[in-house]
Amino acid sequence: MPATKSSTASKKKSTSALQKPVQISETLAAVVGRGPMPRTEVTKKLWDYIKKHNLQSKTNKRKIKADATLAKVFGISIDREIDMLEMPGKVSKHLS
């Protein structure tokens, strides 16, 4: 039996964990701006920064070359490359 409008309207739509605003550390704020903002927005702004500063490897797009600012965020040395799949773990340390 299909749900009626009244029963559907009374259910609240929950916000996913990715959409809930999070606090951003000062180190990460240098890249993405001050928070709070959703994790999805943090990821978008991080990629905007990477593309703006040409930090993606030309031969292997999965590799990100850290400049001085990103090196602080990732906790690595300057000019070291990390795989893009490592980024969420490195960035999550700067979110609360």
C-alpha atoms as a PDB file:
ATOM      1  CA  MET A   1       0.000   0.000   0.000  1.00  0.00           C
ATOM      2  CA  PRO A   2       1.554   3.380  -1.011  1.00  0.00           C
ATOM      3  CA  ALA A   3       2.339   5.981   1.637  1.00  0.00           C
ATOM      4  CA  THR A   4      -0.097   8.843   1.958  1.00  0.00           C
ATOM      5  CA  LYS A   5       0.958  12.461   1.718  1.00  0.00           C
ATOM      6  CA  SER A   6       0.335  13.080   5.395  1.00  0.00           C
ATOM      7  CA  SER A   7       2.595  10.242   6.551  1.00  0.00           C
ATOM      8  CA  THR A   8       5.345  11.235   4.092  1.00  0.00           C
ATOM      9  CA  ALA A   9       5.194  14.915   5.033  1.00  0.00           C
ATOM     10  CA  SER A  10       5.524  14.179   8.734  1.00  0.00           C
ATOM     11  CA  LYS A  11       8.865  12.398   8.279  1.00  0.00           C
ATOM     12  CA  LYS A  12      11.868  14.694   8.621  1.00  0.00           C
ATOM     13  CA  LYS A  13      14.608  14.430   6.063  1.00  0.00           C
ATOM     14  CA  SER A  14      17.848  13.691   7.918  1.00  0.00           C
ATOM     15  CA  THR A  15      21.071  15.425   6.998  1.00  0.00           C
ATOM     16  CA  SER A  16      23.879  13.101   5.972  1.00  0.00           C
ATOM     17  CA  ALA A  17      27.172  13.255   7.848  1.00  0.00           C
ATOM     18  CA  LEU A  18      28.810  14.742   4.750  1.00  0.00           C
ATOM     19  CA  GLN A  19      26.390  17.689   4.781  1.00  0.00           C
ATOM     20  CA  LYS A  20      26.769  18.595   8.473  1.00  0.00           C
ATOM     21  CA  PRO A  21      29.015  21.617   9.015  1.00  0.00           C
ATOM     22  CA  VAL A  22      32.372  20.873  10.650  1.00  0.00           C
ATOM     23  CA  GLN A  23      34.951  23.133  12.297  1.00  0.00           C
ATOM     24  CA  ILE A  24      38.161  23.664  10.331  1.00  0.00           C
ATOM     25  CA  SER A  25      41.676  23.992  11.785  1.00  0.00           C
ATOM     26  CA  GLU A  26      43.691  27.150  11.143  1.00  0.00           C
ATOM     27  CA  THR A  27      46.100  25.130   8.981  1.00  0.00           C
ATOM     28  CA  LEU A  28      43.334  23.882   6.674  1.00  0.00           C
ATOM     29  CA  ALA A  29      41.615  27.290   6.708  1.00  0.00           C
ATOM     30  CA  ALA A  30      44.668  28.666   4.850  1.00  0.00           C
ATOM     31  CA  VAL A  31      43.589  26.472   1.917  1.00  0.00           C
ATOM     32  CA  VAL A  32      39.782  26.301   2.041  1.00  0.00           C
ATOM     33  CA  GLY A  33      38.800  29.351   4.100  1.00  0.00           C
ATOM     34  CA  ARG A  34      37.214  29.625   7.519  1.00  0.00           C
ATOM     35  CA  GLY A  35      34.464  27.246   8.613  1.00  0.00           C
ATOM     36  CA  PRO A  36      32.245  25.807   9.632  1.00  0.00           C
ATOM     37  CA  MET A  37      31.311  24.161   6.335  1.00  0.00           C
ATOM     38  CA  PRO A  38      30.204  20.713   5.140  1.00  0.00           C
ATOM     39  CA  ARG A  39      32.872  18.134   4.295  1.00  0.00           C
ATOM     40  CA  THR A  40      31.709  18.189   0.678  1.00  0.00           C
ATOM     41  CA  GLU A  41      32.498  21.906   0.486  1.00  0.00           C
ATOM     42  CA  VAL A  42      35.926  21.330   2.095  1.00  0.00           C
ATOM     43  CA  THR A  43      36.721  18.721  -0.561  1.00  0.00           C
ATOM     44  CA  LYS A  44      35.524  20.985  -3.379  1.00  0.00           C
ATOM     45  CA  LYS A  45      37.624  23.924  -2.171  1.00  0.00           C
ATOM     46  CA  LEU A  46      40.650  21.692  -1.654  1.00  0.00           C
ATOM     47  CA  TRP A  47      40.440  20.523  -5.282  1.00  0.00           C
ATOM     48  CA  ASP A  48      39.926  24.129  -6.434  1.00  0.00           C
ATOM     49  CA  TYR A  49      43.193  25.037  -4.653  1.00  0.00           C
ATOM     50  CA  ILE A  50      45.035  22.063  -6.169  1.00  0.00           C
ATOM     51  CA  LYS A  51      43.900  22.933  -9.699  1.00  0.00           C
ATOM     52  CA  LYS A  52      44.498  26.695  -9.280  1.00  0.00           C
ATOM     53  CA  HIS A  53      48.099  26.086  -8.201  1.00  0.00           C
ATOM     54  CA  ASN A  54      48.813  23.286 -10.743  1.00  0.00           C
ATOM     55  CA  LEU A  55      49.598  20.734  -8.039  1.00  0.00           C
ATOM     56  CA  GLN A  56      48.206  17.704  -9.850  1.00  0.00           C
ATOM     57  CA  SER A  57      50.827  15.549 -11.576  1.00  0.00           C
ATOM     58  CA  LYS A  58      50.708  15.904 -15.354  1.00  0.00           C
ATOM     59  CA  THR A  59      51.605  12.241 -15.929  1.00  0.00           C
ATOM     60  CA  ASN A  60      49.516  10.657 -13.169  1.00  0.00           C
ATOM     61  CA  LYS A  61      46.410  12.695 -12.260  1.00  0.00           C
ATOM     62  CA  ARG A  62      45.988  10.650  -9.052  1.00  0.00           C
ATOM     63  CA  LYS A  63      49.141  12.208  -7.582  1.00  0.00           C
ATOM     64  CA  ILE A  64      49.083  15.578  -5.811  1.00  0.00           C
ATOM     65  CA  LYS A  65      52.340  17.500  -5.334  1.00  0.00           C
ATOM     66  CA  ALA A  66      52.269  19.404  -2.035  1.00  0.00           C
ATOM     67  CA  ASP A  67      53.309  23.048  -1.958  1.00  0.00           C
ATOM     68  CA  ALA A  68      54.273  24.655   1.382  1.00  0.00           C
ATOM     69  CA  THR A  69      50.646  25.225   2.433  1.00  0.00           C
ATOM     70  CA  LEU A  70      49.389  21.756   1.505  1.00  0.00           C
ATOM     71  CA  ALA A  71      52.461  20.128   3.044  1.00  0.00           C
ATOM     72  CA  LYS A  72      51.361  21.543   6.425  1.00  0.00           C
ATOM     73  CA  VAL A  73      47.821  20.207   5.919  1.00  0.00           C
ATOM     74  CA  PHE A  74      49.005  16.753   4.826  1.00  0.00           C
ATOM     75  CA  GLY A  75      51.828  16.578   7.364  1.00  0.00           C
ATOM     76  CA  ILE A  76      54.460  15.814   4.719  1.00  0.00           C
ATOM     77  CA  SER A  77      57.557  17.489   3.284  1.00  0.00           C
ATOM     78  CA  ILE A  78      57.283  20.103   0.553  1.00  0.00           C
ATOM     79  CA  ASP A  79      57.193  18.775  -3.046  1.00  0.00           C
ATOM     80  CA  ARG A  80      56.371  15.232  -1.940  1.00  0.00           C
ATOM     81  CA  GLU A  81      53.531  13.650  -3.909  1.00  0.00           C
ATOM     82  CA  ILE A  82      50.639  11.835  -2.299  1.00  0.00           C
ATOM     83  CA  ASP A  83      47.906   9.762  -3.891  1.00  0.00           C
ATOM     84  CA  MET A  84      44.529  11.506  -4.023  1.00  0.00           C
ATOM     85  CA  LEU A  85      43.039   8.585  -2.055  1.00  0.00           C
ATOM     86  CA  GLU A  86      45.313   9.501   0.882  1.00  0.00           C
ATOM     87  CA  MET A  87      43.902  13.021   1.075  1.00  0.00           C
ATOM     88  CA  PRO A  88      40.681  12.325   3.042  1.00  0.00           C
ATOM     89  CA  GLY A  89      42.646  10.719   5.880  1.00  0.00           C
ATOM     90  CA  LYS A  90      45.119  13.611   6.008  1.00  0.00           C
ATOM     91  CA  VAL A  91      42.398  16.278   5.846  1.00  0.00           C
ATOM     92  CA  SER A  92      40.102  14.613   8.410  1.00  0.00           C
ATOM     93  CA  LYS A  93      42.686  15.395  11.123  1.00  0.00           C
ATOM     94  CA  HIS A  94      41.883  19.074  10.568  1.00  0.00           C
ATOM     95  CA  LEU A  95      38.098  18.702  10.938  1.00  0.00           C
ATOM     96  CA  SER A  96      36.081  18.522  14.119  1.00  0.00           C
END
